[in-house]
Amino acid sequence: TGKSSLAEAIAKETNSDFYYLNAGSLITSYQGSGSESINAVFNHTENSSKNSVIFIDEVDAITNNDINDKNGESLRATRNLQCNLSQNKSICILATNYPDKLPQPLKDRFITVEIKLPMVADIVDFLRKGLRVKGYYSSTDTLQAIANMFNDLNYRDLSKILVNSTSMIKSRSIEDRILTEKDYIVAIYNQRPK
């Protein structure tokens, strides 16, 4: 849905350095790894002479109350994040697809901005434009069917589908560069994590 692009635009507009953290990759089986990574970024920005925007994507990966936290790393990382947020001068932007999974004290520190997934008409338009740029085509009925079938996808996922579906049919002749509903479904299936 463009959350990281929005955060980058804020950094550019405020003439700030931009730091991206994917919280899903912070928590490992090594005790203290997530907390250390969070500290490293916040310490770096605190010592910088320039303003900073810290964007933490998928923050629910460390703050989710429902996750199985056998070694306590998620709890440590959450506490560490909250401590750094209260002591740091940086602009912090947290992104999640599951706001209900965040602890209330963390939610209370932020203004909530909800970025909705694209509507069916937006998906059709996005796919049509993306295909045109790549020299491919799909009928309006096919695009409409795909948009209705997968209306819970964000623009990043839709971009991956475009890449996967067009790369699958590169061997077709120039005259046969029409993507069918089946091409998209196969691309979506191949895109899923194994």
Protein backbone atom coordinates (compact mmCIF):
# COMPACT_ATOMS: atom_id res chain seq x y z
CA THR A 1 0.00 0.00 0.00
CA GLY A 2 3.02 2.30 -0.18
CA LYS A 3 3.75 2.69 3.53
CA SER A 4 7.53 2.73 3.09
CA SER A 5 7.24 5.12 0.14
CA LEU A 6 5.17 7.45 2.30
CA ALA A 7 7.76 7.27 5.10
CA GLU A 8 10.57 7.99 2.60
CA ALA A 9 8.62 10.98 1.28
CA ILE A 10 8.30 12.33 4.84
CA ALA A 11 12.07 11.96 5.31
CA LYS A 12 12.75 13.76 2.05
CA GLU A 13 10.26 16.54 2.80
CA THR A 14 11.76 17.11 6.27
CA ASN A 15 15.33 16.87 4.92
CA SER A 16 16.00 13.91 7.23
CA ASP A 17 17.97 10.70 6.95
CA PHE A 18 15.76 7.65 6.37
CA TYR A 19 16.19 4.38 8.27
CA TYR A 20 14.17 1.29 7.45
CA LEU A 21 13.76 -1.63 9.84
CA ASN A 22 11.74 -4.73 9.09
CA ALA A 23 10.67 -5.92 12.53
CA GLY A 24 9.98 -9.40 11.16
CA SER A 25 13.71 -9.88 10.59
CA LEU A 26 14.74 -8.49 14.00
CA ILE A 27 13.55 -11.33 16.17
CA THR A 28 15.73 -14.41 15.98
CA SER A 29 16.43 -17.31 18.30
CA TYR A 30 19.49 -15.44 19.59
CA GLN A 31 18.69 -13.72 22.84
CA GLY A 32 19.08 -9.96 22.66
CA SER A 33 19.36 -9.73 18.87
CA GLY A 34 16.17 -7.73 18.32
CA SER A 35 16.88 -5.36 21.19
CA GLU A 36 20.44 -4.79 19.97
CA SER A 37 19.28 -4.00 16.45
CA ILE A 38 16.72 -1.50 17.73
CA ASN A 39 19.32 0.10 20.00
CA ALA A 40 21.85 0.34 17.17
CA VAL A 41 19.50 2.32 14.93
CA PHE A 42 18.27 4.64 17.66
CA ASN A 43 21.82 5.23 18.96
CA HIS A 44 23.02 6.02 15.45
CA THR A 45 20.26 8.55 14.89
CA GLU A 46 20.78 10.11 18.32
CA ASN A 47 24.45 10.73 17.53
CA SER A 48 23.70 12.12 14.08
CA SER A 49 23.74 15.84 13.44
CA LYS A 50 20.91 15.48 10.94
CA ASN A 51 17.24 14.76 11.72
CA SER A 52 16.08 11.20 11.16
CA VAL A 53 12.96 9.32 10.16
CA ILE A 54 12.90 5.74 11.44
CA PHE A 55 10.38 3.52 9.69
CA ILE A 56 9.67 0.17 11.36
CA ASP A 57 7.65 -2.08 9.09
CA GLU A 58 5.69 -5.07 10.39
CA VAL A 59 6.12 -3.80 13.96
CA ASP A 60 3.56 -6.39 15.06
CA ALA A 61 6.26 -9.04 14.53
CA ILE A 62 7.87 -7.90 17.78
CA THR A 63 4.95 -6.37 19.67
CA ASN A 64 2.24 -8.95 18.97
CA ASN A 65 0.84 -10.30 22.23
CA ASP A 66 -0.19 -13.54 20.52
CA ILE A 67 3.26 -14.69 19.33
CA ASN A 68 5.08 -17.56 20.95
CA ASP A 69 8.00 -15.85 22.69
CA LYS A 70 9.87 -18.73 24.32
CA ASN A 71 13.09 -16.83 25.03
CA GLY A 72 11.42 -13.49 25.87
CA GLU A 73 13.06 -11.70 22.94
CA SER A 74 9.86 -10.15 21.67
CA LEU A 75 9.03 -8.73 25.09
CA ARG A 76 12.58 -7.34 25.46
CA ALA A 77 12.46 -5.81 21.98
CA THR A 78 9.04 -4.23 22.67
CA ARG A 79 10.23 -2.71 25.94
CA ASN A 80 13.42 -1.53 24.28
CA LEU A 81 11.44 0.05 21.44
CA GLN A 82 9.15 1.88 23.86
CA CYS A 83 12.13 3.14 25.87
CA ASN A 84 13.91 4.39 22.74
CA LEU A 85 10.75 6.06 21.48
CA SER A 86 10.47 8.12 24.66
CA GLN A 87 14.13 9.19 24.62
CA ASN A 88 14.86 9.79 20.93
CA LYS A 89 14.29 12.95 18.89
CA SER A 90 13.70 11.11 15.60
CA ILE A 91 10.42 10.93 13.75
CA CYS A 92 9.27 7.32 14.18
CA ILE A 93 6.76 5.70 11.90
CA LEU A 94 5.48 2.23 12.73
CA ALA A 95 3.58 0.17 10.19
CA THR A 96 1.45 -2.89 10.73
CA ASN A 97 -1.30 -4.77 9.00
CA TYR A 98 -2.61 -5.86 12.41
CA PRO A 99 -3.12 -2.77 14.61
CA ASP A 100 -5.30 -4.77 17.00
CA LYS A 101 -2.24 -6.90 17.87
CA LEU A 102 -0.23 -3.93 19.18
CA PRO A 103 -0.08 -3.26 22.92
CA GLN A 104 -2.21 -0.30 23.96
CA PRO A 105 0.69 1.68 25.54
CA LEU A 106 2.48 1.61 22.17
CA LYS A 107 -0.65 2.61 20.26
CA ASP A 108 -1.19 5.51 22.66
CA ARG A 109 2.14 7.06 21.61
CA PHE A 110 1.17 7.47 17.95
CA ILE A 111 -1.32 9.11 15.68
CA THR A 112 -3.02 6.38 13.68
CA VAL A 113 -3.24 6.74 9.92
CA GLU A 114 -5.01 3.94 8.11
CA ILE A 115 -3.93 3.26 4.54
CA LYS A 116 -6.51 1.12 2.84
CA LEU A 117 -5.87 -1.55 0.24
CA PRO A 118 -6.67 -0.59 -3.35
CA MET A 119 -10.25 -0.87 -4.54
CA VAL A 120 -11.22 -3.20 -7.41
CA ALA A 121 -11.26 -0.35 -9.94
CA ASP A 122 -7.79 0.76 -8.77
CA ILE A 123 -6.46 -2.79 -9.18
CA VAL A 124 -7.85 -3.03 -12.72
CA ASP A 125 -6.26 0.33 -13.60
CA PHE A 126 -2.93 -0.62 -11.98
CA LEU A 127 -2.74 -3.96 -13.82
CA ARG A 128 -3.77 -2.42 -17.15
CA LYS A 129 -1.10 0.30 -16.91
CA GLY A 130 1.56 -2.16 -15.78
CA LEU A 131 0.81 -4.50 -18.67
CA ARG A 132 0.85 -1.67 -21.21
CA VAL A 133 4.31 -0.57 -20.05
CA LYS A 134 5.59 -4.13 -20.47
CA GLY A 135 3.95 -4.58 -23.88
CA TYR A 136 1.26 -7.02 -22.74
CA TYR A 137 -2.51 -6.97 -22.68
CA SER A 138 -5.46 -8.49 -20.80
CA SER A 139 -9.12 -8.07 -21.51
CA THR A 140 -11.16 -5.88 -19.20
CA ASP A 141 -13.18 -8.95 -18.16
CA THR A 142 -9.99 -10.79 -17.17
CA LEU A 143 -8.64 -7.81 -15.23
CA GLN A 144 -12.00 -7.38 -13.49
CA ALA A 145 -12.11 -11.07 -12.54
CA ILE A 146 -8.56 -10.95 -11.13
CA ALA A 147 -9.26 -7.74 -9.22
CA ASN A 148 -12.39 -9.25 -7.68
CA MET A 149 -10.62 -12.49 -6.86
CA PHE A 150 -7.60 -10.87 -5.20
CA ASN A 151 -8.91 -7.60 -3.81
CA ASP A 152 -7.04 -8.13 -0.54
CA LEU A 153 -3.62 -7.53 -2.13
CA ASN A 154 -1.50 -4.40 -1.80
CA TYR A 155 0.35 -2.71 -4.67
CA ARG A 156 3.62 -4.50 -3.87
CA ASP A 157 1.91 -7.89 -4.20
CA LEU A 158 0.18 -6.75 -7.39
CA SER A 159 3.55 -5.67 -8.82
CA LYS A 160 5.00 -9.10 -8.08
CA ILE A 161 2.06 -10.72 -9.84
CA LEU A 162 2.67 -8.54 -12.89
CA VAL A 163 6.35 -9.49 -12.97
CA ASN A 164 5.64 -13.19 -12.45
CA SER A 165 2.80 -13.42 -14.94
CA THR A 166 4.62 -11.53 -17.71
CA SER A 167 7.89 -13.40 -17.18
CA MET A 168 6.05 -16.71 -17.52
CA ILE A 169 4.86 -15.84 -21.01
CA LYS A 170 8.00 -14.15 -22.38
CA SER A 171 8.56 -17.07 -24.71
CA ARG A 172 5.23 -16.43 -26.43
CA SER A 173 5.20 -14.72 -29.79
CA ILE A 174 4.60 -10.98 -29.98
CA GLU A 175 1.09 -11.62 -31.30
CA ASP A 176 0.26 -13.79 -28.28
CA ARG A 177 1.09 -11.37 -25.46
CA ILE A 178 -2.40 -11.54 -23.98
CA LEU A 179 -2.52 -12.68 -20.37
CA THR A 180 -5.44 -14.86 -19.40
CA GLU A 181 -7.02 -15.40 -16.02
CA LYS A 182 -5.09 -18.67 -15.78
CA ASP A 183 -1.75 -16.84 -16.29
CA TYR A 184 -2.49 -14.60 -13.30
CA ILE A 185 -3.64 -17.46 -11.10
CA VAL A 186 -0.49 -19.47 -11.86
CA ALA A 187 1.64 -16.36 -11.14
CA ILE A 188 -0.14 -15.83 -7.82
CA TYR A 189 0.25 -19.49 -6.89
CA ASN A 190 3.98 -19.38 -7.74
CA GLN A 191 4.38 -16.20 -5.68
CA ARG A 192 3.20 -17.77 -2.44
CA PRO A 193 5.90 -18.83 0.04
CA LYS A 194 6.67 -22.52 -0.21
